[in-house]
Amino acid sequence: MSEICRHVLLEGRVQGVGFRAFVRRNARRLKLQGWVKNLADGRVEALISGPEEDVKELLELMKEGPSLARVRDISLSSREDCNLSGQFEIKY
């Protein structure tokens, strides 16, 4: 299975609703690498790396988010060579 890396930006009600913890929990369950963080402009940013099917599963989950979240827009871009290792983390 091929490894892929995706840079993600999410807009909507994605801060203050447990979004980062939701992403981290699901990414760790899927054994993905990367990070997620809040941006000053109200968006959430993430970098995700792992097997293609698992990354796609996490992206589908992120489109919905936790129950209080409302994702209005998701922007995806591919990255070459993420150089990520270790557990998926929340960045501050």
PDB file of N, CA and C in Angstrom:
ATOM      1  N   MET A   1       0.853  -1.186   0.000  1.00  0.00           N
ATOM      2  CA  MET A   1       0.000   0.000   0.000  1.00  0.00           C
ATOM      3  C   MET A   1       0.891   1.240   0.000  1.00  0.00           C
ATOM      4  N   SER A   2       0.586   2.194  -0.865  1.00  0.00           N
ATOM      5  CA  SER A   2       1.448   3.366  -0.985  1.00  0.00           C
ATOM      6  C   SER A   2       1.188   4.389   0.119  1.00  0.00           C
ATOM      7  N   GLU A   3       2.257   5.044   0.514  1.00  0.00           N
ATOM      8  CA  GLU A   3       2.177   6.089   1.528  1.00  0.00           C
ATOM      9  C   GLU A   3       1.932   7.429   0.841  1.00  0.00           C
ATOM     10  N   ILE A   4       1.066   8.245   1.428  1.00  0.00           N
ATOM     11  CA  ILE A   4       0.807   9.574   0.890  1.00  0.00           C
ATOM     12  C   ILE A   4       0.897  10.596   2.008  1.00  0.00           C
ATOM     13  N   CYS A   5       1.000  11.853   1.637  1.00  0.00           N
ATOM     14  CA  CYS A   5       1.041  12.956   2.593  1.00  0.00           C
ATOM     15  C   CYS A   5       0.088  14.044   2.106  1.00  0.00           C
ATOM     16  N   ARG A   6      -0.746  14.546   3.010  1.00  0.00           N
ATOM     17  CA  ARG A   6      -1.713  15.588   2.662  1.00  0.00           C
ATOM     18  C   ARG A   6      -1.631  16.740   3.659  1.00  0.00           C
ATOM     19  N   HIS A   7      -1.635  17.954   3.093  1.00  0.00           N
ATOM     20  CA  HIS A   7      -1.753  19.174   3.894  1.00  0.00           C
ATOM     21  C   HIS A   7      -3.222  19.579   3.829  1.00  0.00           C
ATOM     22  N   VAL A   8      -3.827  19.861   4.987  1.00  0.00           N
ATOM     23  CA  VAL A   8      -5.267  20.110   5.068  1.00  0.00           C
ATOM     24  C   VAL A   8      -5.533  21.423   5.788  1.00  0.00           C
ATOM     25  N   LEU A   9      -6.449  22.217   5.246  1.00  0.00           N
ATOM     26  CA  LEU A   9      -6.954  23.419   5.918  1.00  0.00           C
ATOM     27  C   LEU A   9      -8.471  23.305   5.980  1.00  0.00           C
ATOM     28  N   LEU A  10      -9.016  23.497   7.179  1.00  0.00           N
ATOM     29  CA  LEU A  10     -10.459  23.388   7.384  1.00  0.00           C
ATOM     30  C   LEU A  10     -11.015  24.712   7.873  1.00  0.00           C
ATOM     31  N   GLU A  11     -12.169  25.086   7.310  1.00  0.00           N
ATOM     32  CA  GLU A  11     -12.849  26.314   7.718  1.00  0.00           C
ATOM     33  C   GLU A  11     -14.237  25.971   8.241  1.00  0.00           C
ATOM     34  N   GLY A  12     -14.759  26.856   9.082  1.00  0.00           N
ATOM     35  CA  GLY A  12     -16.077  26.676   9.661  1.00  0.00           C
ATOM     36  C   GLY A  12     -15.985  26.771  11.171  1.00  0.00           C
ATOM     37  N   ARG A  13     -16.896  26.096  11.859  1.00  0.00           N
ATOM     38  CA  ARG A  13     -16.828  26.060  13.330  1.00  0.00           C
ATOM     39  C   ARG A  13     -15.942  24.868  13.687  1.00  0.00           C
ATOM     40  N   VAL A  14     -14.635  25.108  13.691  1.00  0.00           N
ATOM     41  CA  VAL A  14     -13.676  24.030  13.896  1.00  0.00           C
ATOM     42  C   VAL A  14     -12.738  24.288  15.078  1.00  0.00           C
ATOM     43  N   GLN A  15     -12.935  25.419  15.764  1.00  0.00           N
ATOM     44  CA  GLN A  15     -12.154  25.683  16.977  1.00  0.00           C
ATOM     45  C   GLN A  15     -13.101  25.771  18.164  1.00  0.00           C
ATOM     46  N   GLY A  16     -12.617  25.288  19.313  1.00  0.00           N
ATOM     47  CA  GLY A  16     -13.431  25.323  20.523  1.00  0.00           C
ATOM     48  C   GLY A  16     -14.498  24.243  20.580  1.00  0.00           C
ATOM     49  N   VAL A  17     -14.379  23.228  19.720  1.00  0.00           N
ATOM     50  CA  VAL A  17     -15.379  22.160  19.654  1.00  0.00           C
ATOM     51  C   VAL A  17     -14.743  20.775  19.778  1.00  0.00           C
ATOM     52  N   GLY A  18     -13.466  20.719  20.186  1.00  0.00           N
ATOM     53  CA  GLY A  18     -12.780  19.436  20.335  1.00  0.00           C
ATOM     54  C   GLY A  18     -12.273  18.855  19.025  1.00  0.00           C
ATOM     55  N   PHE A  19     -12.117  19.708  18.018  1.00  0.00           N
ATOM     56  CA  PHE A  19     -11.737  19.219  16.692  1.00  0.00           C
ATOM     57  C   PHE A  19     -10.343  18.610  16.677  1.00  0.00           C
ATOM     58  N   ARG A  20      -9.366  19.291  17.280  1.00  0.00           N
ATOM     59  CA  ARG A  20      -7.992  18.770  17.258  1.00  0.00           C
ATOM     60  C   ARG A  20      -7.896  17.425  17.977  1.00  0.00           C
ATOM     61  N   ALA A  21      -8.542  17.304  19.130  1.00  0.00           N
ATOM     62  CA  ALA A  21      -8.519  16.034  19.869  1.00  0.00           C
ATOM     63  C   ALA A  21      -9.198  14.926  19.050  1.00  0.00           C
ATOM     64  N   PHE A  22     -10.279  15.260  18.366  1.00  0.00           N
ATOM     65  CA  PHE A  22     -10.981  14.317  17.498  1.00  0.00           C
ATOM     66  C   PHE A  22     -10.049  13.811  16.390  1.00  0.00           C
ATOM     67  N   VAL A  23      -9.329  14.736  15.759  1.00  0.00           N
ATOM     68  CA  VAL A  23      -8.412  14.359  14.679  1.00  0.00           C
ATOM     69  C   VAL A  23      -7.280  13.496  15.230  1.00  0.00           C
ATOM     70  N   ARG A  24      -6.690  13.924  16.349  1.00  0.00           N
ATOM     71  CA  ARG A  24      -5.576  13.160  16.931  1.00  0.00           C
ATOM     72  C   ARG A  24      -6.020  11.748  17.308  1.00  0.00           C
ATOM     73  N   ARG A  25      -7.157  11.626  17.955  1.00  0.00           N
ATOM     74  CA  ARG A  25      -7.658  10.312  18.376  1.00  0.00           C
ATOM     75  C   ARG A  25      -7.833   9.375  17.176  1.00  0.00           C
ATOM     76  N   ASN A  26      -8.459   9.877  16.121  1.00  0.00           N
ATOM     77  CA  ASN A  26      -8.689   9.048  14.935  1.00  0.00           C
ATOM     78  C   ASN A  26      -7.397   8.770  14.173  1.00  0.00           C
ATOM     79  N   ALA A  27      -6.510   9.731  14.101  1.00  0.00           N
ATOM     80  CA  ALA A  27      -5.226   9.523  13.414  1.00  0.00           C
ATOM     81  C   ALA A  27      -4.396   8.466  14.138  1.00  0.00           C
ATOM     82  N   ARG A  28      -4.393   8.509  15.459  1.00  0.00           N
ATOM     83  CA  ARG A  28      -3.644   7.510  16.219  1.00  0.00           C
ATOM     84  C   ARG A  28      -4.263   6.128  16.070  1.00  0.00           C
ATOM     85  N   ARG A  29      -5.590   6.062  16.037  1.00  0.00           N
ATOM     86  CA  ARG A  29      -6.273   4.780  15.834  1.00  0.00           C
ATOM     87  C   ARG A  29      -5.876   4.176  14.481  1.00  0.00           C
ATOM     88  N   LEU A  30      -5.703   5.035  13.492  1.00  0.00           N
ATOM     89  CA  LEU A  30      -5.325   4.594  12.152  1.00  0.00           C
ATOM     90  C   LEU A  30      -3.807   4.462  11.981  1.00  0.00           C
ATOM     91  N   LYS A  31      -3.064   4.786  13.055  1.00  0.00           N
ATOM     92  CA  LYS A  31      -1.589   4.700  13.051  1.00  0.00           C
ATOM     93  C   LYS A  31      -0.949   5.607  11.997  1.00  0.00           C
ATOM     94  N   LEU A  32      -1.480   6.831  11.890  1.00  0.00           N
ATOM     95  CA  LEU A  32      -0.945   7.822  10.963  1.00  0.00           C
ATOM     96  C   LEU A  32       0.047   8.726  11.678  1.00  0.00           C
ATOM     97  N   GLN A  33       0.895   9.376  10.914  1.00  0.00           N
ATOM     98  CA  GLN A  33       1.822  10.363  11.454  1.00  0.00           C
ATOM     99  C   GLN A  33       1.342  11.751  11.052  1.00  0.00           C
ATOM    100  N   GLY A  34       1.801  12.760  11.834  1.00  0.00           N
ATOM    101  CA  GLY A  34       1.495  14.132  11.477  1.00  0.00           C
ATOM    102  C   GLY A  34       1.132  14.974  12.670  1.00  0.00           C
ATOM    103  N   TRP A  35       0.409  16.049  12.383  1.00  0.00           N
ATOM    104  CA  TRP A  35       0.015  16.997  13.429  1.00  0.00           C
ATOM    105  C   TRP A  35      -1.234  17.768  13.000  1.00  0.00           C
ATOM    106  N   VAL A  36      -1.870  18.399  13.987  1.00  0.00           N
ATOM    107  CA  VAL A  36      -3.027  19.257  13.754  1.00  0.00           C
ATOM    108  C   VAL A  36      -2.888  20.461  14.680  1.00  0.00           C
ATOM    109  N   LYS A  37      -3.309  21.649  14.202  1.00  0.00           N
ATOM    110  CA  LYS A  37      -3.218  22.838  15.050  1.00  0.00           C
ATOM    111  C   LYS A  37      -4.265  23.864  14.644  1.00  0.00           C
ATOM    112  N   ASN A  38      -4.602  24.740  15.602  1.00  0.00           N
ATOM    113  CA  ASN A  38      -5.480  25.872  15.336  1.00  0.00           C
ATOM    114  C   ASN A  38      -4.657  26.991  14.721  1.00  0.00           C
ATOM    115  N   LEU A  39      -5.272  27.740  13.812  1.00  0.00           N
ATOM    116  CA  LEU A  39      -4.642  28.930  13.247  1.00  0.00           C
ATOM    117  C   LEU A  39      -5.315  30.177  13.812  1.00  0.00           C
ATOM    118  N   ALA A  40      -4.579  31.276  13.834  1.00  0.00           N
ATOM    119  CA  ALA A  40      -5.093  32.524  14.408  1.00  0.00           C
ATOM    120  C   ALA A  40      -6.340  33.029  13.685  1.00  0.00           C
ATOM    121  N   ASP A  41      -6.519  32.659  12.424  1.00  0.00           N
ATOM    122  CA  ASP A  41      -7.676  33.140  11.648  1.00  0.00           C
ATOM    123  C   ASP A  41      -8.929  32.283  11.826  1.00  0.00           C
ATOM    124  N   GLY A  42      -8.880  31.291  12.744  1.00  0.00           N
ATOM    125  CA  GLY A  42     -10.053  30.474  13.025  1.00  0.00           C
ATOM    126  C   GLY A  42     -10.091  29.145  12.288  1.00  0.00           C
ATOM    127  N   ARG A  43      -9.149  28.930  11.366  1.00  0.00           N
ATOM    128  CA  ARG A  43      -9.090  27.660  10.654  1.00  0.00           C
ATOM    129  C   ARG A  43      -8.294  26.640  11.458  1.00  0.00           C
ATOM    130  N   VAL A  44      -8.380  25.378  11.035  1.00  0.00           N
ATOM    131  CA  VAL A  44      -7.555  24.298  11.577  1.00  0.00           C
ATOM    132  C   VAL A  44      -6.678  23.796  10.440  1.00  0.00           C
ATOM    133  N   GLU A  45      -5.395  23.561  10.747  1.00  0.00           N
ATOM    134  CA  GLU A  45      -4.430  23.068   9.768  1.00  0.00           C
ATOM    135  C   GLU A  45      -3.922  21.710  10.222  1.00  0.00           C
ATOM    136  N   ALA A  46      -3.672  20.813   9.268  1.00  0.00           N
ATOM    137  CA  ALA A  46      -3.129  19.498   9.606  1.00  0.00           C
ATOM    138  C   ALA A  46      -2.187  19.027   8.501  1.00  0.00           C
ATOM    139  N   LEU A  47      -1.233  18.213   8.900  1.00  0.00           N
ATOM    140  CA  LEU A  47      -0.357  17.508   7.965  1.00  0.00           C
ATOM    141  C   LEU A  47      -0.457  16.039   8.334  1.00  0.00           C
ATOM    142  N   ILE A  48      -0.848  15.211   7.370  1.00  0.00           N
ATOM    143  CA  ILE A  48      -1.160  13.805   7.637  1.00  0.00           C
ATOM    144  C   ILE A  48      -0.380  12.922   6.676  1.00  0.00           C
ATOM    145  N   SER A  49       0.240  11.875   7.215  1.00  0.00           N
ATOM    146  CA  SER A  49       1.022  10.957   6.397  1.00  0.00           C
ATOM    147  C   SER A  49       0.733   9.523   6.809  1.00  0.00           C
ATOM    148  N   GLY A  50       0.662   8.642   5.797  1.00  0.00           N
ATOM    149  CA  GLY A  50       0.449   7.231   6.076  1.00  0.00           C
ATOM    150  C   GLY A  50      -0.065   6.519   4.849  1.00  0.00           C
ATOM    151  N   PRO A  51      -0.513   5.278   5.026  1.00  0.00           N
ATOM    152  CA  PRO A  51      -1.080   4.517   3.908  1.00  0.00           C
ATOM    153  C   PRO A  51      -2.286   5.253   3.315  1.00  0.00           C
ATOM    154  N   GLU A  52      -2.381   5.248   1.998  1.00  0.00           N
ATOM    155  CA  GLU A  52      -3.403   6.025   1.291  1.00  0.00           C
ATOM    156  C   GLU A  52      -4.815   5.778   1.812  1.00  0.00           C
ATOM    157  N   GLU A  53      -5.204   4.526   1.989  1.00  0.00           N
ATOM    158  CA  GLU A  53      -6.571   4.223   2.437  1.00  0.00           C
ATOM    159  C   GLU A  53      -6.849   4.791   3.829  1.00  0.00           C
ATOM    160  N   ASP A  54      -5.856   4.745   4.710  1.00  0.00           N
ATOM    161  CA  ASP A  54      -6.040   5.257   6.071  1.00  0.00           C
ATOM    162  C   ASP A  54      -6.109   6.784   6.081  1.00  0.00           C
ATOM    163  N   VAL A  55      -5.274   7.431   5.268  1.00  0.00           N
ATOM    164  CA  VAL A  55      -5.329   8.899   5.165  1.00  0.00           C
ATOM    165  C   VAL A  55      -6.698   9.316   4.628  1.00  0.00           C
ATOM    166  N   LYS A  56      -7.188   8.621   3.612  1.00  0.00           N
ATOM    167  CA  LYS A  56      -8.508   8.932   3.048  1.00  0.00           C
ATOM    168  C   LYS A  56      -9.611   8.754   4.093  1.00  0.00           C
ATOM    169  N   GLU A  57      -9.497   7.714   4.914  1.00  0.00           N
ATOM    170  CA  GLU A  57     -10.501   7.499   5.974  1.00  0.00           C
ATOM    171  C   GLU A  57     -10.504   8.663   6.956  1.00  0.00           C
ATOM    172  N   LEU A  58      -9.310   9.105   7.372  1.00  0.00           N
ATOM    173  CA  LEU A  58      -9.237  10.237   8.302  1.00  0.00           C
ATOM    174  C   LEU A  58      -9.804  11.502   7.659  1.00  0.00           C
ATOM    175  N   LEU A  59      -9.515  11.737   6.403  1.00  0.00           N
ATOM    176  CA  LEU A  59     -10.039  12.927   5.724  1.00  0.00           C
ATOM    177  C   LEU A  59     -11.560  12.907   5.679  1.00  0.00           C
ATOM    178  N   GLU A  60     -12.153  11.738   5.454  1.00  0.00           N
ATOM    179  CA  GLU A  60     -13.618  11.626   5.470  1.00  0.00           C
ATOM    180  C   GLU A  60     -14.168  11.957   6.858  1.00  0.00           C
ATOM    181  N   LEU A  61     -13.507  11.469   7.894  1.00  0.00           N
ATOM    182  CA  LEU A  61     -13.927  11.770   9.263  1.00  0.00           C
ATOM    183  C   LEU A  61     -13.798  13.264   9.556  1.00  0.00           C
ATOM    184  N   MET A  62     -12.741  13.882   9.049  1.00  0.00           N
ATOM    185  CA  MET A  62     -12.506  15.310   9.288  1.00  0.00           C
ATOM    186  C   MET A  62     -13.563  16.174   8.606  1.00  0.00           C
ATOM    187  N   LYS A  63     -14.135  15.714   7.517  1.00  0.00           N
ATOM    188  CA  LYS A  63     -15.180  16.485   6.836  1.00  0.00           C
ATOM    189  C   LYS A  63     -16.407  16.640   7.727  1.00  0.00           C
ATOM    190  N   GLU A  64     -16.647  15.642   8.593  1.00  0.00           N
ATOM    191  CA  GLU A  64     -17.762  15.693   9.541  1.00  0.00           C
ATOM    192  C   GLU A  64     -17.342  16.326  10.855  1.00  0.00           C
ATOM    193  N   GLY A  65     -16.199  15.890  11.375  1.00  0.00           N
ATOM    194  CA  GLY A  65     -15.706  16.408  12.651  1.00  0.00           C
ATOM    195  C   GLY A  65     -16.515  15.893  13.823  1.00  0.00           C
ATOM    196  N   PRO A  66     -16.181  16.364  15.032  1.00  0.00           N
ATOM    197  CA  PRO A  66     -16.963  15.996  16.215  1.00  0.00           C
ATOM    198  C   PRO A  66     -18.351  16.637  16.143  1.00  0.00           C
ATOM    199  N   SER A  67     -19.225  16.240  17.045  1.00  0.00           N
ATOM    200  CA  SER A  67     -20.641  16.619  16.939  1.00  0.00           C
ATOM    201  C   SER A  67     -20.893  18.125  16.913  1.00  0.00           C
ATOM    202  N   LEU A  68     -20.105  18.932  17.626  1.00  0.00           N
ATOM    203  CA  LEU A  68     -20.346  20.377  17.670  1.00  0.00           C
ATOM    204  C   LEU A  68     -19.703  21.131  16.509  1.00  0.00           C
ATOM    205  N   ALA A  69     -18.864  20.476  15.747  1.00  0.00           N
ATOM    206  CA  ALA A  69     -18.165  21.135  14.635  1.00  0.00           C
ATOM    207  C   ALA A  69     -19.084  21.265  13.416  1.00  0.00           C
ATOM    208  N   ARG A  70     -18.800  22.282  12.619  1.00  0.00           N
ATOM    209  CA  ARG A  70     -19.475  22.474  11.329  1.00  0.00           C
ATOM    210  C   ARG A  70     -18.397  22.849  10.322  1.00  0.00           C
ATOM    211  N   VAL A  71     -17.963  21.880   9.528  1.00  0.00           N
ATOM    212  CA  VAL A  71     -16.923  22.131   8.539  1.00  0.00           C
ATOM    213  C   VAL A  71     -17.579  22.748   7.300  1.00  0.00           C
ATOM    214  N   ARG A  72     -17.174  23.965   6.967  1.00  0.00           N
ATOM    215  CA  ARG A  72     -17.736  24.683   5.820  1.00  0.00           C
ATOM    216  C   ARG A  72     -16.909  24.439   4.563  1.00  0.00           C
ATOM    217  N   ASP A  73     -15.589  24.311   4.732  1.00  0.00           N
ATOM    218  CA  ASP A  73     -14.724  24.123   3.576  1.00  0.00           C
ATOM    219  C   ASP A  73     -13.484  23.351   3.988  1.00  0.00           C
ATOM    220  N   ILE A  74     -13.007  22.497   3.097  1.00  0.00           N
ATOM    221  CA  ILE A  74     -11.774  21.746   3.346  1.00  0.00           C
ATOM    222  C   ILE A  74     -10.894  21.888   2.105  1.00  0.00           C
ATOM    223  N   SER A  75      -9.657  22.278   2.334  1.00  0.00           N
ATOM    224  CA  SER A  75      -8.697  22.468   1.251  1.00  0.00           C
ATOM    225  C   SER A  75      -7.588  21.438   1.415  1.00  0.00           C
ATOM    226  N   LEU A  76      -7.337  20.663   0.364  1.00  0.00           N
ATOM    227  CA  LEU A  76      -6.328  19.596   0.402  1.00  0.00           C
ATOM    228  C   LEU A  76      -5.229  19.862  -0.605  1.00  0.00           C
ATOM    229  N   SER A  77      -4.011  19.580  -0.215  1.00  0.00           N
ATOM    230  CA  SER A  77      -2.914  19.591  -1.177  1.00  0.00           C
ATOM    231  C   SER A  77      -1.982  18.428  -0.869  1.00  0.00           C
ATOM    232  N   SER A  78      -1.399  17.882  -1.918  1.00  0.00           N
ATOM    233  CA  SER A  78      -0.455  16.775  -1.761  1.00  0.00           C
ATOM    234  C   SER A  78       0.916  17.331  -1.437  1.00  0.00           C
ATOM    235  N   ARG A  79       1.643  16.598  -0.632  1.00  0.00           N
ATOM    236  CA  ARG A  79       3.018  16.950  -0.313  1.00  0.00           C
ATOM    237  C   ARG A  79       3.903  15.770  -0.635  1.00  0.00           C
ATOM    238  N   GLU A  80       5.080  16.056  -1.103  1.00  0.00           N
ATOM    239  CA  GLU A  80       6.080  15.022  -1.328  1.00  0.00           C
ATOM    240  C   GLU A  80       6.959  14.937  -0.091  1.00  0.00           C
ATOM    241  N   ASP A  81       7.279  13.744   0.339  1.00  0.00           N
ATOM    242  CA  ASP A  81       8.260  13.544   1.395  1.00  0.00           C
ATOM    243  C   ASP A  81       7.996  14.400   2.642  1.00  0.00           C
ATOM    244  N   CYS A  82       7.035  13.996   3.443  1.00  0.00           N
ATOM    245  CA  CYS A  82       6.683  14.735   4.660  1.00  0.00           C
ATOM    246  C   CYS A  82       7.734  14.627   5.761  1.00  0.00           C
ATOM    247  N   ASN A  83       8.485  13.540   5.764  1.00  0.00           N
ATOM    248  CA  ASN A  83       9.483  13.309   6.824  1.00  0.00           C
ATOM    249  C   ASN A  83       8.877  13.371   8.219  1.00  0.00           C
ATOM    250  N   LEU A  84       7.759  12.707   8.405  1.00  0.00           N
ATOM    251  CA  LEU A  84       7.100  12.664   9.709  1.00  0.00           C
ATOM    252  C   LEU A  84       7.406  11.337  10.387  1.00  0.00           C
ATOM    253  N   SER A  85       7.515  11.374  11.699  1.00  0.00           N
ATOM    254  CA  SER A  85       7.702  10.133  12.462  1.00  0.00           C
ATOM    255  C   SER A  85       7.052  10.295  13.820  1.00  0.00           C
ATOM    256  N   GLY A  86       6.865   9.189  14.496  1.00  0.00           N
ATOM    257  CA  GLY A  86       6.260   9.230  15.821  1.00  0.00           C
ATOM    258  C   GLY A  86       4.746   9.331  15.774  1.00  0.00           C
ATOM    259  N   GLN A  87       4.150   9.552  16.944  1.00  0.00           N
ATOM    260  CA  GLN A  87       2.695   9.615  17.052  1.00  0.00           C
ATOM    261  C   GLN A  87       2.150  10.926  16.506  1.00  0.00           C
ATOM    262  N   PHE A  88       0.899  10.886  16.071  1.00  0.00           N
ATOM    263  CA  PHE A  88       0.195  12.074  15.622  1.00  0.00           C
ATOM    264  C   PHE A  88       0.010  13.017  16.809  1.00  0.00           C
ATOM    265  N   GLU A  89       0.308  14.288  16.640  1.00  0.00           N
ATOM    266  CA  GLU A  89       0.296  15.250  17.744  1.00  0.00           C
ATOM    267  C   GLU A  89      -0.568  16.467  17.470  1.00  0.00           C
ATOM    268  N   ILE A  90      -0.952  17.128  18.555  1.00  0.00           N
ATOM    269  CA  ILE A  90      -1.564  18.451  18.473  1.00  0.00           C
ATOM    270  C   ILE A  90      -0.424  19.446  18.652  1.00  0.00           C
ATOM    271  N   LYS A  91      -0.326  20.394  17.717  1.00  0.00           N
ATOM    272  CA  LYS A  91       0.670  21.478  17.830  1.00  0.00           C
ATOM    273  C   LYS A  91       0.004  22.697  18.429  1.00  0.00           C
ATOM    274  N   TYR A  92       0.772  23.419  19.234  1.00  0.00           N
ATOM    275  CA  TYR A  92       0.260  24.656  19.835  1.00  0.00           C
ATOM    276  C   TYR A  92       1.045  25.848  19.363  1.00  0.00           C
TER     277      TYR A  92
END
